Protein backbone atom coordinates (compact mmCIF):
# COMPACT_ATOMS: atom_id res chain seq x y z
CA MET A 1 -4.05 2.29 15.21
CA ALA A 2 -6.91 3.99 15.46
CA VAL A 3 -10.79 2.57 14.60
CA ASN A 4 -10.88 4.17 11.02
CA SER A 5 -7.56 2.93 9.95
CA PHE A 6 -8.47 -0.92 11.13
CA GLU A 7 -12.03 0.76 8.76
CA THR A 8 -9.69 1.72 6.60
CA LEU A 9 -7.48 -2.05 6.19
CA LYS A 10 -10.24 -4.00 6.39
CA LYS A 11 -11.79 -2.37 3.53
CA VAL A 12 -8.36 -2.19 1.40
CA ILE A 13 -8.29 -5.84 2.21
CA GLU A 14 -11.85 -7.33 1.45
CA ASP A 15 -11.22 -5.24 -1.79
CA ASN A 16 -8.23 -6.80 -3.08
CA SER A 17 -9.17 -10.49 -1.61
CA VAL A 18 -12.04 -13.60 -3.29
CA ALA A 19 -13.18 -13.53 0.39
CA ASP A 20 -15.92 -10.78 0.90
CA GLU A 21 -15.07 -10.95 5.14
CA PHE A 22 -11.94 -9.47 5.78
CA PHE A 23 -11.00 -12.43 8.80
CA ARG A 24 -11.38 -14.84 5.36
CA ALA A 25 -9.46 -12.78 3.25
CA VAL A 26 -6.87 -12.44 5.34
CA HIS A 27 -5.80 -15.89 4.74
CA GLU A 28 -4.95 -15.04 1.39
CA TRP A 29 -2.28 -13.18 2.09
CA THR A 30 1.55 -13.63 2.58
CA VAL A 31 4.62 -11.31 2.77
CA THR A 32 6.84 -10.81 0.21
CA ALA A 33 9.36 -8.22 0.76
CA VAL A 34 10.67 -5.29 3.27
CA GLU A 35 12.12 -2.30 2.56
CA GLU A 36 13.75 -0.07 5.10
CA ASP A 37 12.71 3.81 5.60
CA PRO A 38 15.77 5.46 7.68
CA LEU A 39 13.23 9.02 7.78
CA GLN A 40 10.26 7.26 8.60
CA GLU A 41 8.33 8.83 5.55
CA GLY A 42 6.67 5.41 4.48
CA GLU A 43 2.84 5.72 4.34
CA CYS A 44 1.14 2.17 4.80
CA VAL A 45 -2.25 0.93 2.83
CA CYS A 46 -4.30 2.06 6.13
CA GLY A 47 -2.98 5.53 6.13
CA GLN A 48 -0.82 5.10 9.14
CA GLN A 49 2.43 7.55 8.87
CA HIS A 50 5.59 7.17 9.93
CA LEU A 51 6.87 3.64 8.75
CA ARG A 52 10.34 2.49 9.39
CA TYR A 53 9.67 -0.98 7.73
CA MET A 54 7.67 -1.54 5.10
CA TYR A 55 6.06 -4.91 4.12
CA THR A 56 4.80 -6.07 0.82
CA ILE A 57 1.81 -8.18 0.62
CA GLN A 58 0.53 -10.47 -2.17
CA ASN A 59 -3.16 -12.55 -2.52
CA LEU A 60 -2.35 -16.06 -3.09
CA ASN A 61 -5.77 -15.92 -5.24
CA SER A 62 -4.81 -13.69 -7.69
CA GLY A 63 -1.19 -12.83 -7.23
CA LEU A 64 -2.09 -9.23 -6.88
CA PRO A 65 0.71 -7.38 -4.45
CA LEU A 66 -0.42 -4.32 -2.22
CA GLU A 67 2.48 -2.12 -0.87
CA TYR A 68 3.20 -0.84 2.35
CA ILE A 69 1.77 -2.00 5.51
CA GLY A 70 2.75 -1.88 8.45
CA SER A 71 3.96 -4.48 11.13
CA LYS A 72 1.24 -3.08 13.18
CA CYS A 73 -1.56 -3.81 10.56
CA VAL A 74 -0.44 -6.84 9.54
CA GLU A 75 -1.06 -8.01 13.84
CA HIS A 76 -4.49 -7.04 12.84
CA PHE A 77 -4.78 -9.97 10.45
CA GLN A 78 -4.41 -12.52 13.53
CA SER A 79 -2.36 -14.31 10.99
CA SER A 80 0.73 -16.56 13.12
CA GLN A 81 1.61 -17.34 9.82
CA LEU A 82 2.18 -14.06 8.90
CA ASN A 83 3.19 -13.14 12.04
CA LEU A 84 5.76 -15.19 11.30
CA GLN A 85 6.67 -14.26 7.85
CA ILE A 86 7.30 -10.68 9.40
CA THR A 87 9.61 -12.16 11.87
CA VAL A 88 11.73 -14.18 9.47
CA PHE A 89 11.43 -10.65 6.46
CA ARG A 90 12.98 -8.34 9.15
CA GLY A 91 15.27 -10.90 10.67
CA LEU A 92 16.43 -11.57 6.93
CA PHE A 93 16.69 -7.19 6.43
CA ASP A 94 18.78 -6.90 9.40
CA LEU A 95 20.95 -10.21 8.51
CA ARG A 96 21.55 -8.11 4.96
CA LYS A 97 22.86 -4.84 6.47
CA LYS A 98 24.98 -6.75 8.68
CA ILE A 99 26.47 -8.64 5.33
CA LEU A 100 26.77 -5.26 3.55
CA ALA A 101 28.11 -3.63 6.34
CA ARG A 102 30.83 -6.46 5.96
CA GLU A 103 30.10 -7.35 9.20
CA GLN A 104 30.79 -10.93 10.91
CA VAL A 105 27.74 -13.15 10.61
CA SER A 106 27.27 -16.43 13.16
CA LEU A 107 25.18 -19.60 12.34
CA ASN A 108 23.67 -19.31 15.35
CA ALA A 109 23.42 -15.04 16.29
CA ASP A 110 22.23 -14.09 13.22
CA PHE A 111 20.13 -16.54 12.09
CA SER A 112 16.81 -18.97 12.49
CA ARG A 113 14.94 -22.23 11.81
CA GLU A 114 12.60 -20.22 9.56
CA ILE A 115 15.41 -17.95 7.80
CA LEU A 116 17.38 -21.45 7.34
CA ARG A 117 14.09 -22.45 5.68
CA TRP A 118 13.20 -19.56 3.56
CA LEU A 119 16.81 -20.08 2.02
CA TYR A 120 15.86 -23.07 0.95
CA GLU A 121 12.77 -22.78 -0.19
CA GLU A 122 14.20 -19.43 -2.37
CA ASP A 123 16.27 -21.82 -3.52
CA ALA A 124 19.67 -20.02 -2.01
CA PHE A 125 21.35 -23.92 -2.00
CA PRO A 126 22.21 -24.71 -5.60
CA ALA A 127 22.89 -28.34 -6.45
CA THR A 128 26.92 -28.21 -6.31
CA GLN A 129 29.60 -31.18 -6.60
CA PHE A 130 30.44 -30.04 -2.94
CA ASN A 131 26.16 -31.44 -1.99
CA ARG A 132 26.58 -34.40 -4.16
CA ASN A 133 23.94 -32.55 -6.86
CA ASP A 134 21.86 -31.43 -4.62
CA GLY A 135 21.25 -27.85 -2.39
CA ALA A 136 18.72 -29.42 0.31
CA ASN A 137 22.07 -31.23 2.20
CA ASP A 138 23.49 -27.74 2.37
CA TYR A 139 20.13 -26.83 3.87
CA GLN A 140 19.86 -30.11 5.75
CA PHE A 141 23.86 -29.53 6.83
CA LEU A 142 23.11 -25.57 7.93
CA LEU A 143 20.12 -27.01 9.97
CA ASP A 144 22.11 -29.62 12.01
CA MET A 145 24.76 -27.37 12.91
CA PHE A 146 22.05 -24.88 13.99
CA ASN A 147 20.81 -27.21 16.07
CA LYS A 148 23.60 -29.50 17.30
CA ARG A 149 24.20 -29.19 20.82
CA SER A 150 27.76 -30.68 21.30
CA ASP A 151 31.28 -29.11 20.29
CA ILE A 152 31.27 -28.32 16.23
CA THR A 153 34.44 -29.96 14.41
CA PRO A 154 37.03 -27.62 12.69
CA GLY A 155 35.44 -29.57 9.20
CA GLN A 156 31.80 -28.53 10.61
CA LYS A 157 32.92 -25.08 11.09
CA ASN A 158 35.00 -25.04 7.82
CA LYS A 159 31.58 -25.76 5.54
CA ILE A 160 29.91 -23.48 8.45
CA ARG A 161 32.04 -20.73 6.93
CA GLY A 162 32.03 -21.70 3.26
CA LEU A 163 28.43 -22.09 2.96
CA LEU A 164 27.83 -18.78 4.52
CA HIS A 165 30.59 -16.73 2.48
CA TYR A 166 30.22 -18.57 -0.96
CA THR A 167 26.54 -18.96 -0.85
CA VAL A 168 23.99 -17.44 1.79
CA LYS A 169 25.77 -13.82 1.80
CA PRO A 170 25.50 -13.54 -2.03
CA PHE A 171 22.68 -14.23 -2.30
CA ILE A 172 21.32 -12.64 0.98
CA SER A 173 22.74 -9.88 -0.51
CA ASN A 174 20.88 -9.76 -3.94
CA HIS A 175 17.99 -10.56 -3.29
CA PRO A 176 15.09 -8.50 -4.43
CA ALA A 177 12.85 -8.97 -1.60
CA LEU A 178 15.75 -7.43 0.71
CA GLY A 179 14.86 -3.74 0.70
């Protein structure tokens, strides 16, 4: 990114934040959506062109969204939290593409702890009779299975398959923040 682009980014963020200094203002922002432009015709708020992955960020204080911002610009925020959000949204986006292409989805290969946490925070796990009317139980089960070091039993495999197929896949396929 050219210096001029960084100055443009700073100005856009400062103008749309409560804080008036860039490195304080960046803490007001969170990633809310990702879109892919396969033709790479997307443009960042800084003026950078040819974006393939375009992120929407939202100000936590004002609720104001900014679109689009490239992942390279997010690195200038020097925020590990925003970098993690970019990683999660990119992982979710790739997972959605795989689901829509009807490819095999695997808990350990296609998910991360952060993606599972995002699903839980987005209420992907509804209360049902199968989780004792508490979606947190499904989240905790998938997290435990993700972290498990010993063999997964056939019953656990069936439950994982059921949760991925009937709960997670439809949720990700239809989520508006994922392209």
